Amino acid sequence: MNRDFPWESGVENDCINIQCSIHTNAIGKSWAYVAPYGKDYTYFMGGLNGGRPKEYLEMVRTLSVNIRDDYDRGIIALVHDESHINAYMRSHPCKILPVELNRPEEWADEHTKLIFREKTHIDPYFNKGRKTSLCARFKKGTTILFNAIRWYVKL
């Protein structure tokens, strides 16, 4: 058993997910919506998760149906797959791995086990026309903050 990687220490739950330090969510009409009040709120990253095959495939099928239903009703969650995964995890407990296991490359420290890369640092092709000026980044940040506050106070 390698204590550096907690997912190797025996999974007692049906799935594994890594806690995320950033969170946003979907509007109330979406299957991905998570109410801001209620039980403890943990936000999971969408790019790295797993579990036992039966339960994991059940999650994939459920998310596929929910995403398709939202799409058919003209709804796309703000952080699409990640929002749907978080809504699913509210009613399906999983083993929670700490956020230190996977961080953005610019936040990595000696405790970080995995990093997720900013694709635009590797190849400008991935920029897809995103504006990178200070003003554009400030506008994006304030929009994210506004949406988080609006979600929390239920505007």
N, C-alpha and C. Protein backbone atom coordinates (compact mmCIF):
# COMPACT_ATOMS: atom_id res chain seq x y z
N MET A 1 0.85 -1.19 0.00
CA MET A 1 0.00 0.00 0.00
C MET A 1 0.89 1.24 0.00
N ASN A 2 0.60 2.17 -0.89
CA ASN A 2 1.35 3.41 -1.00
C ASN A 2 0.56 4.53 -0.33
N ARG A 3 1.02 5.06 0.79
CA ARG A 3 0.28 6.09 1.53
C ARG A 3 0.28 7.44 0.81
N ASP A 4 1.13 7.59 -0.22
CA ASP A 4 1.14 8.84 -0.97
C ASP A 4 -0.09 8.97 -1.87
N PHE A 5 -0.74 7.86 -2.18
CA PHE A 5 -1.90 7.88 -3.06
C PHE A 5 -3.08 7.24 -2.35
N PRO A 6 -3.96 8.05 -1.74
CA PRO A 6 -5.05 7.52 -0.92
C PRO A 6 -6.02 6.61 -1.65
N TRP A 7 -6.12 6.71 -2.99
CA TRP A 7 -7.06 5.84 -3.67
C TRP A 7 -6.61 4.39 -3.66
N GLU A 8 -5.36 4.13 -3.27
CA GLU A 8 -4.87 2.75 -3.20
C GLU A 8 -5.13 2.13 -1.83
N SER A 9 -5.69 2.88 -0.90
CA SER A 9 -5.83 2.39 0.46
C SER A 9 -7.15 1.66 0.69
N GLY A 10 -7.80 1.21 -0.35
CA GLY A 10 -9.04 0.45 -0.19
C GLY A 10 -10.24 1.37 -0.30
N VAL A 11 -11.06 1.10 -1.27
CA VAL A 11 -12.24 1.92 -1.50
C VAL A 11 -13.42 1.29 -0.79
N GLU A 12 -13.99 2.02 0.16
CA GLU A 12 -15.14 1.51 0.89
C GLU A 12 -16.44 1.93 0.22
N ASN A 13 -16.41 3.00 -0.55
CA ASN A 13 -17.59 3.49 -1.24
C ASN A 13 -17.58 2.97 -2.68
N ASP A 14 -18.65 3.26 -3.40
CA ASP A 14 -18.77 2.77 -4.76
C ASP A 14 -18.02 3.61 -5.77
N CYS A 15 -17.65 4.83 -5.42
CA CYS A 15 -16.94 5.68 -6.37
C CYS A 15 -15.94 6.57 -5.65
N ILE A 16 -15.07 7.17 -6.43
CA ILE A 16 -14.03 8.05 -5.90
C ILE A 16 -14.11 9.37 -6.65
N ASN A 17 -13.96 10.47 -5.95
CA ASN A 17 -13.95 11.76 -6.59
C ASN A 17 -13.02 12.68 -5.84
N ILE A 18 -12.41 13.63 -6.55
CA ILE A 18 -11.48 14.57 -5.92
C ILE A 18 -12.17 15.90 -5.70
N GLN A 19 -12.06 16.39 -4.49
CA GLN A 19 -12.64 17.68 -4.13
C GLN A 19 -11.99 18.78 -4.96
N CYS A 20 -12.78 19.77 -5.33
CA CYS A 20 -12.28 20.87 -6.15
C CYS A 20 -12.34 22.16 -5.35
N SER A 21 -11.38 23.04 -5.57
CA SER A 21 -11.35 24.29 -4.82
C SER A 21 -12.14 25.40 -5.50
N ILE A 22 -12.65 25.15 -6.69
CA ILE A 22 -13.41 26.14 -7.44
C ILE A 22 -14.81 25.58 -7.65
N HIS A 23 -15.82 26.42 -7.54
CA HIS A 23 -17.15 25.88 -7.81
C HIS A 23 -18.09 26.90 -8.40
N THR A 24 -18.96 26.38 -9.30
CA THR A 24 -20.04 27.13 -9.91
C THR A 24 -21.15 26.12 -10.10
N ASN A 25 -22.32 26.56 -10.52
CA ASN A 25 -23.36 25.57 -10.77
C ASN A 25 -24.40 26.04 -11.75
N ALA A 26 -25.44 25.26 -11.90
CA ALA A 26 -26.44 25.44 -12.94
C ALA A 26 -27.70 26.12 -12.41
N ILE A 27 -28.55 26.52 -13.34
CA ILE A 27 -29.82 27.14 -12.97
C ILE A 27 -30.80 26.11 -12.44
N GLY A 28 -31.82 26.56 -11.73
CA GLY A 28 -32.76 25.68 -11.04
C GLY A 28 -33.52 24.72 -11.92
N LYS A 29 -33.65 24.97 -13.21
CA LYS A 29 -34.41 24.08 -14.09
C LYS A 29 -33.58 22.92 -14.60
N SER A 30 -32.28 22.95 -14.39
CA SER A 30 -31.38 21.93 -14.90
C SER A 30 -31.30 20.74 -13.94
N TRP A 31 -31.05 19.57 -14.51
CA TRP A 31 -30.77 18.39 -13.68
C TRP A 31 -29.48 18.60 -12.89
N ALA A 32 -28.64 19.50 -13.33
CA ALA A 32 -27.36 19.75 -12.67
C ALA A 32 -27.47 20.71 -11.49
N TYR A 33 -28.64 21.26 -11.25
CA TYR A 33 -28.79 22.26 -10.20
C TYR A 33 -28.58 21.64 -8.81
N VAL A 34 -27.80 22.33 -7.99
CA VAL A 34 -27.60 21.96 -6.59
C VAL A 34 -27.97 23.18 -5.77
N ALA A 35 -28.95 23.03 -4.89
CA ALA A 35 -29.37 24.14 -4.04
C ALA A 35 -28.24 24.55 -3.11
N PRO A 36 -28.10 25.84 -2.84
CA PRO A 36 -26.97 26.31 -2.02
C PRO A 36 -27.12 25.99 -0.53
N TYR A 37 -28.29 25.59 -0.10
CA TYR A 37 -28.51 25.31 1.31
C TYR A 37 -28.82 23.83 1.48
N GLY A 38 -28.71 23.34 2.68
CA GLY A 38 -28.98 21.93 2.92
C GLY A 38 -27.77 21.25 3.51
N LYS A 39 -27.56 20.00 3.08
CA LYS A 39 -26.44 19.27 3.65
C LYS A 39 -25.11 19.86 3.20
N ASP A 40 -24.05 19.44 3.88
CA ASP A 40 -22.71 19.96 3.57
C ASP A 40 -22.44 19.92 2.08
N TYR A 41 -21.81 20.96 1.61
CA TYR A 41 -21.58 21.10 0.18
C TYR A 41 -20.12 20.86 -0.15
N THR A 42 -19.84 19.84 -0.93
CA THR A 42 -18.51 19.57 -1.44
C THR A 42 -18.59 19.63 -2.95
N TYR A 43 -17.69 20.38 -3.55
CA TYR A 43 -17.68 20.48 -5.01
C TYR A 43 -16.54 19.62 -5.55
N PHE A 44 -16.86 18.79 -6.55
CA PHE A 44 -15.89 17.86 -7.12
C PHE A 44 -15.46 18.30 -8.51
N MET A 45 -14.22 18.04 -8.83
CA MET A 45 -13.74 18.33 -10.17
C MET A 45 -14.31 17.29 -11.13
N GLY A 46 -14.52 17.69 -12.35
CA GLY A 46 -15.14 16.79 -13.31
C GLY A 46 -14.17 15.92 -14.08
N GLY A 47 -12.91 16.30 -14.12
CA GLY A 47 -11.97 15.62 -15.00
C GLY A 47 -11.31 14.38 -14.46
N LEU A 48 -11.48 14.09 -13.18
CA LEU A 48 -10.80 12.94 -12.61
C LEU A 48 -11.70 12.30 -11.56
N ASN A 49 -12.26 11.16 -11.90
CA ASN A 49 -13.13 10.43 -10.98
C ASN A 49 -13.12 8.97 -11.38
N GLY A 50 -13.72 8.14 -10.58
CA GLY A 50 -13.71 6.71 -10.89
C GLY A 50 -14.54 5.93 -9.91
N GLY A 51 -14.36 4.64 -9.86
CA GLY A 51 -15.10 3.80 -8.95
C GLY A 51 -15.23 2.39 -9.47
N ARG A 52 -16.06 1.62 -8.80
CA ARG A 52 -16.33 0.25 -9.24
C ARG A 52 -17.09 0.31 -10.57
N PRO A 53 -16.80 -0.61 -11.48
CA PRO A 53 -17.40 -0.53 -12.83
C PRO A 53 -18.93 -0.43 -12.84
N LYS A 54 -19.61 -1.24 -12.08
CA LYS A 54 -21.08 -1.24 -12.10
C LYS A 54 -21.63 0.13 -11.71
N GLU A 55 -21.16 0.66 -10.60
CA GLU A 55 -21.66 1.93 -10.09
C GLU A 55 -21.22 3.09 -10.98
N TYR A 56 -19.98 3.02 -11.48
CA TYR A 56 -19.49 4.09 -12.33
C TYR A 56 -20.27 4.15 -13.64
N LEU A 57 -20.53 3.00 -14.24
CA LEU A 57 -21.31 2.97 -15.48
C LEU A 57 -22.75 3.42 -15.25
N GLU A 58 -23.29 3.11 -14.07
CA GLU A 58 -24.63 3.60 -13.72
C GLU A 58 -24.63 5.14 -13.67
N MET A 59 -23.57 5.72 -13.07
CA MET A 59 -23.45 7.17 -13.02
C MET A 59 -23.36 7.74 -14.44
N VAL A 60 -22.55 7.14 -15.30
CA VAL A 60 -22.38 7.63 -16.67
C VAL A 60 -23.72 7.60 -17.41
N ARG A 61 -24.46 6.51 -17.26
CA ARG A 61 -25.76 6.41 -17.94
C ARG A 61 -26.73 7.48 -17.42
N THR A 62 -26.79 7.66 -16.11
CA THR A 62 -27.67 8.67 -15.51
C THR A 62 -27.30 10.07 -15.98
N LEU A 63 -26.01 10.37 -15.97
CA LEU A 63 -25.57 11.70 -16.42
C LEU A 63 -25.89 11.90 -17.89
N SER A 64 -25.73 10.87 -18.69
CA SER A 64 -26.03 10.97 -20.12
C SER A 64 -27.51 11.31 -20.34
N VAL A 65 -28.39 10.62 -19.63
CA VAL A 65 -29.83 10.87 -19.74
C VAL A 65 -30.16 12.29 -19.26
N ASN A 66 -29.58 12.70 -18.12
CA ASN A 66 -29.86 14.03 -17.58
C ASN A 66 -29.36 15.14 -18.50
N ILE A 67 -28.15 14.98 -19.04
CA ILE A 67 -27.58 15.99 -19.94
C ILE A 67 -28.41 16.09 -21.21
N ARG A 68 -28.82 14.95 -21.75
CA ARG A 68 -29.65 14.95 -22.97
C ARG A 68 -31.00 15.61 -22.69
N ASP A 69 -31.60 15.33 -21.55
CA ASP A 69 -32.89 15.94 -21.20
C ASP A 69 -32.74 17.46 -21.07
N ASP A 70 -31.69 17.91 -20.39
CA ASP A 70 -31.43 19.36 -20.29
C ASP A 70 -31.27 19.96 -21.69
N TYR A 71 -30.47 19.33 -22.52
CA TYR A 71 -30.20 19.83 -23.87
C TYR A 71 -31.48 19.93 -24.68
N ASP A 72 -32.32 18.90 -24.58
CA ASP A 72 -33.59 18.90 -25.31
C ASP A 72 -34.50 20.04 -24.85
N ARG A 73 -34.33 20.48 -23.60
CA ARG A 73 -35.13 21.60 -23.06
C ARG A 73 -34.41 22.94 -23.21
N GLY A 74 -33.28 22.93 -23.95
CA GLY A 74 -32.55 24.17 -24.20
C GLY A 74 -31.69 24.65 -23.05
N ILE A 75 -31.30 23.74 -22.17
CA ILE A 75 -30.50 24.09 -21.00
C ILE A 75 -29.13 23.44 -21.11
N ILE A 76 -28.09 24.24 -20.90
CA ILE A 76 -26.74 23.70 -20.81
C ILE A 76 -26.14 24.26 -19.52
N ALA A 77 -25.77 23.39 -18.61
CA ALA A 77 -25.21 23.81 -17.32
C ALA A 77 -23.94 24.62 -17.53
N LEU A 78 -23.68 25.54 -16.62
CA LEU A 78 -22.56 26.46 -16.74
C LEU A 78 -21.22 25.72 -16.89
N VAL A 79 -20.98 24.74 -16.06
CA VAL A 79 -19.75 23.95 -16.16
C VAL A 79 -20.16 22.53 -16.54
N HIS A 80 -20.92 22.43 -17.58
CA HIS A 80 -21.55 21.26 -18.16
C HIS A 80 -21.39 19.94 -17.41
N ASP A 81 -20.41 19.11 -17.76
CA ASP A 81 -20.30 17.78 -17.15
C ASP A 81 -19.99 17.86 -15.66
N GLU A 82 -19.18 18.82 -15.26
CA GLU A 82 -18.80 18.96 -13.85
C GLU A 82 -20.02 19.30 -13.00
N SER A 83 -20.89 20.15 -13.50
CA SER A 83 -22.11 20.49 -12.77
C SER A 83 -23.00 19.27 -12.59
N HIS A 84 -23.13 18.47 -13.65
CA HIS A 84 -23.96 17.25 -13.57
C HIS A 84 -23.35 16.23 -12.61
N ILE A 85 -22.04 16.08 -12.63
CA ILE A 85 -21.39 15.15 -11.70
C ILE A 85 -21.65 15.59 -10.26
N ASN A 86 -21.56 16.88 -9.99
CA ASN A 86 -21.78 17.37 -8.63
C ASN A 86 -23.21 17.17 -8.17
N ALA A 87 -24.17 17.36 -9.05
CA ALA A 87 -25.57 17.11 -8.69
C ALA A 87 -25.77 15.63 -8.38
N TYR A 88 -25.17 14.76 -9.18
CA TYR A 88 -25.28 13.31 -8.97
C TYR A 88 -24.67 12.91 -7.63
N MET A 89 -23.51 13.48 -7.31
CA MET A 89 -22.81 13.12 -6.08
C MET A 89 -23.56 13.54 -4.82
N ARG A 90 -24.49 14.48 -4.94
CA ARG A 90 -25.28 14.89 -3.76
C ARG A 90 -26.12 13.73 -3.22
N SER A 91 -26.55 12.83 -4.10
CA SER A 91 -27.38 11.72 -3.66
C SER A 91 -26.67 10.36 -3.77
N HIS A 92 -25.42 10.38 -4.14
CA HIS A 92 -24.64 9.15 -4.26
C HIS A 92 -23.29 9.37 -3.58
N PRO A 93 -23.18 9.07 -2.30
CA PRO A 93 -21.94 9.32 -1.56
C PRO A 93 -20.74 8.61 -2.19
N CYS A 94 -19.59 9.22 -2.08
CA CYS A 94 -18.38 8.63 -2.63
C CYS A 94 -17.22 8.90 -1.69
N LYS A 95 -16.12 8.22 -1.94
CA LYS A 95 -14.89 8.48 -1.20
C LYS A 95 -14.33 9.80 -1.71
N ILE A 96 -14.11 10.75 -0.81
CA ILE A 96 -13.64 12.07 -1.19
C ILE A 96 -12.14 12.15 -0.98
N LEU A 97 -11.44 12.41 -2.06
CA LEU A 97 -10.00 12.61 -1.98
C LEU A 97 -9.71 14.10 -1.88
N PRO A 98 -8.66 14.48 -1.19
CA PRO A 98 -8.40 15.91 -0.95
C PRO A 98 -7.98 16.67 -2.20
N VAL A 99 -8.25 17.95 -2.19
CA VAL A 99 -7.96 18.83 -3.31
C VAL A 99 -6.47 18.87 -3.63
N GLU A 100 -5.62 18.60 -2.65
CA GLU A 100 -4.17 18.64 -2.86
C GLU A 100 -3.69 17.61 -3.89
N LEU A 101 -4.51 16.59 -4.15
CA LEU A 101 -4.11 15.56 -5.10
C LEU A 101 -4.06 16.07 -6.53
N ASN A 102 -4.82 17.08 -6.84
CA ASN A 102 -4.86 17.57 -8.22
C ASN A 102 -5.12 19.06 -8.23
N ARG A 103 -4.15 19.82 -8.66
CA ARG A 103 -4.25 21.27 -8.68
C ARG A 103 -3.84 21.81 -10.04
N PRO A 104 -4.27 23.05 -10.33
CA PRO A 104 -3.76 23.69 -11.54
C PRO A 104 -2.24 23.81 -11.45
N GLU A 105 -1.56 23.74 -12.57
CA GLU A 105 -0.10 23.75 -12.55
C GLU A 105 0.47 24.97 -11.84
N GLU A 106 -0.21 26.11 -11.91
CA GLU A 106 0.33 27.30 -11.26
C GLU A 106 0.12 27.31 -9.74
N TRP A 107 -0.69 26.37 -9.20
CA TRP A 107 -0.91 26.28 -7.76
C TRP A 107 -0.15 25.11 -7.13
N ALA A 108 0.55 24.34 -7.93
CA ALA A 108 1.21 23.12 -7.45
C ALA A 108 2.26 23.46 -6.39
N ASP A 109 2.35 22.59 -5.40
CA ASP A 109 3.39 22.71 -4.37
C ASP A 109 3.95 21.32 -4.09
N GLU A 110 4.74 21.17 -3.04
CA GLU A 110 5.38 19.88 -2.77
C GLU A 110 4.40 18.78 -2.37
N HIS A 111 3.15 19.14 -2.00
CA HIS A 111 2.15 18.15 -1.61
C HIS A 111 1.27 17.70 -2.78
N THR A 112 1.38 18.37 -3.90
CA THR A 112 0.55 18.07 -5.06
C THR A 112 1.01 16.76 -5.71
N LYS A 113 0.06 15.88 -5.98
CA LYS A 113 0.38 14.58 -6.59
C LYS A 113 0.16 14.61 -8.10
N LEU A 114 -0.85 15.34 -8.58
CA LEU A 114 -1.16 15.46 -10.00
C LEU A 114 -1.41 16.93 -10.29
N ILE A 115 -1.13 17.35 -11.52
CA ILE A 115 -1.48 18.71 -11.91
C ILE A 115 -2.36 18.64 -13.15
N PHE A 116 -3.22 19.64 -13.29
CA PHE A 116 -3.88 19.75 -14.58
C PHE A 116 -3.32 20.97 -15.27
N ARG A 117 -3.00 20.77 -16.54
CA ARG A 117 -2.28 21.76 -17.32
C ARG A 117 -3.22 22.74 -17.98
N GLU A 118 -2.75 23.95 -18.14
CA GLU A 118 -3.45 24.95 -18.94
C GLU A 118 -3.06 24.66 -20.39
N LYS A 119 -4.04 24.17 -21.16
CA LYS A 119 -3.75 23.74 -22.53
C LYS A 119 -3.15 24.84 -23.39
N THR A 120 -3.54 26.08 -23.14
CA THR A 120 -3.03 27.17 -23.98
C THR A 120 -1.55 27.42 -23.75
N HIS A 121 -0.98 26.92 -22.62
CA HIS A 121 0.46 27.02 -22.41
C HIS A 121 1.22 26.02 -23.29
N ILE A 122 0.53 24.98 -23.70
CA ILE A 122 1.14 23.94 -24.52
C ILE A 122 1.04 24.31 -26.00
N ASP A 123 -0.15 24.78 -26.41
CA ASP A 123 -0.37 25.11 -27.81
C ASP A 123 -1.43 26.21 -27.91
N PRO A 124 -1.14 27.33 -28.56
CA PRO A 124 -2.10 28.42 -28.67
C PRO A 124 -3.40 28.02 -29.38
N TYR A 125 -3.39 26.90 -30.10
CA TYR A 125 -4.60 26.42 -30.78
C TYR A 125 -5.77 26.30 -29.80
N PHE A 126 -5.49 25.93 -28.56
CA PHE A 126 -6.54 25.69 -27.58
C PHE A 126 -7.19 26.97 -27.05
N ASN A 127 -6.66 28.13 -27.39
CA ASN A 127 -7.21 29.38 -26.87
C ASN A 127 -8.64 29.62 -27.35
N LYS A 128 -8.97 29.20 -28.54
CA LYS A 128 -10.32 29.30 -29.10
C LYS A 128 -10.89 30.71 -29.03
N GLY A 129 -10.05 31.71 -29.20
CA GLY A 129 -10.53 33.09 -29.25
C GLY A 129 -10.78 33.75 -27.90
N ARG A 130 -10.39 33.10 -26.81
CA ARG A 130 -10.59 33.70 -25.49
C ARG A 130 -9.71 34.93 -25.36
N LYS A 131 -10.28 35.94 -24.76
CA LYS A 131 -9.52 37.17 -24.55
C LYS A 131 -8.68 37.04 -23.28
N THR A 132 -7.43 37.47 -23.36
CA THR A 132 -6.52 37.31 -22.22
C THR A 132 -6.06 38.64 -21.64
N SER A 133 -6.64 39.75 -22.08
CA SER A 133 -6.24 41.04 -21.54
C SER A 133 -6.66 41.13 -20.07
N LEU A 134 -6.04 42.04 -19.35
CA LEU A 134 -6.38 42.22 -17.94
C LEU A 134 -7.85 42.57 -17.78
N CYS A 135 -8.36 43.42 -18.65
CA CYS A 135 -9.77 43.82 -18.59
C CYS A 135 -10.68 42.61 -18.82
N ALA A 136 -10.37 41.77 -19.81
CA ALA A 136 -11.18 40.59 -20.11
C ALA A 136 -11.15 39.60 -18.95
N ARG A 137 -9.98 39.41 -18.36
CA ARG A 137 -9.86 38.49 -17.21
C ARG A 137 -10.62 39.03 -16.01
N PHE A 138 -10.58 40.34 -15.80
CA PHE A 138 -11.33 40.96 -14.69
C PHE A 138 -12.83 40.78 -14.92
N LYS A 139 -13.27 41.00 -16.14
CA LYS A 139 -14.70 40.83 -16.46
C LYS A 139 -15.13 39.38 -16.23
N LYS A 140 -14.31 38.43 -16.66
CA LYS A 140 -14.64 37.02 -16.46
C LYS A 140 -14.70 36.70 -14.97
N GLY A 141 -13.72 37.19 -14.20
CA GLY A 141 -13.70 36.95 -12.76
C GLY A 141 -14.91 37.53 -12.05
N THR A 142 -15.30 38.75 -12.41
CA THR A 142 -16.47 39.36 -11.77
C THR A 142 -17.75 38.64 -12.17
N THR A 143 -17.81 38.14 -13.40
CA THR A 143 -18.99 37.37 -13.83
C THR A 143 -19.10 36.08 -13.02
N ILE A 144 -17.98 35.40 -12.83
CA ILE A 144 -17.99 34.17 -12.01
C ILE A 144 -18.42 34.48 -10.58
N LEU A 145 -17.87 35.54 -10.01
CA LEU A 145 -18.23 35.94 -8.65
C LEU A 145 -19.70 36.30 -8.57
N PHE A 146 -20.21 37.07 -9.52
CA PHE A 146 -21.62 37.45 -9.54
C PHE A 146 -22.51 36.21 -9.61
N ASN A 147 -22.17 35.26 -10.49
CA ASN A 147 -22.98 34.04 -10.61
C ASN A 147 -22.96 33.22 -9.33
N ALA A 148 -21.81 33.16 -8.65
CA ALA A 148 -21.72 32.42 -7.39
C ALA A 148 -22.59 33.08 -6.32
N ILE A 149 -22.55 34.40 -6.23
CA ILE A 149 -23.38 35.12 -5.25
C ILE A 149 -24.85 34.95 -5.59
N ARG A 150 -25.18 35.07 -6.88
CA ARG A 150 -26.57 34.93 -7.31
C ARG A 150 -27.09 33.53 -6.98
N TRP A 151 -26.27 32.52 -7.18
CA TRP A 151 -26.66 31.14 -6.85
C TRP A 151 -26.89 31.01 -5.36
N TYR A 152 -25.99 31.59 -4.55
CA TYR A 152 -26.06 31.43 -3.10
C TYR A 152 -27.27 32.13 -2.50
N VAL A 153 -27.59 33.32 -2.99
CA VAL A 153 -28.73 34.07 -2.43
C VAL A 153 -30.01 33.80 -3.20
N LYS A 154 -29.94 32.89 -4.16
CA LYS A 154 -31.11 32.43 -4.93
C LYS A 154 -31.78 33.55 -5.69
N LEU A 155 -31.01 34.38 -6.39
CA LEU A 155 -31.61 35.45 -7.22
C LEU A 155 -32.17 34.88 -8.50
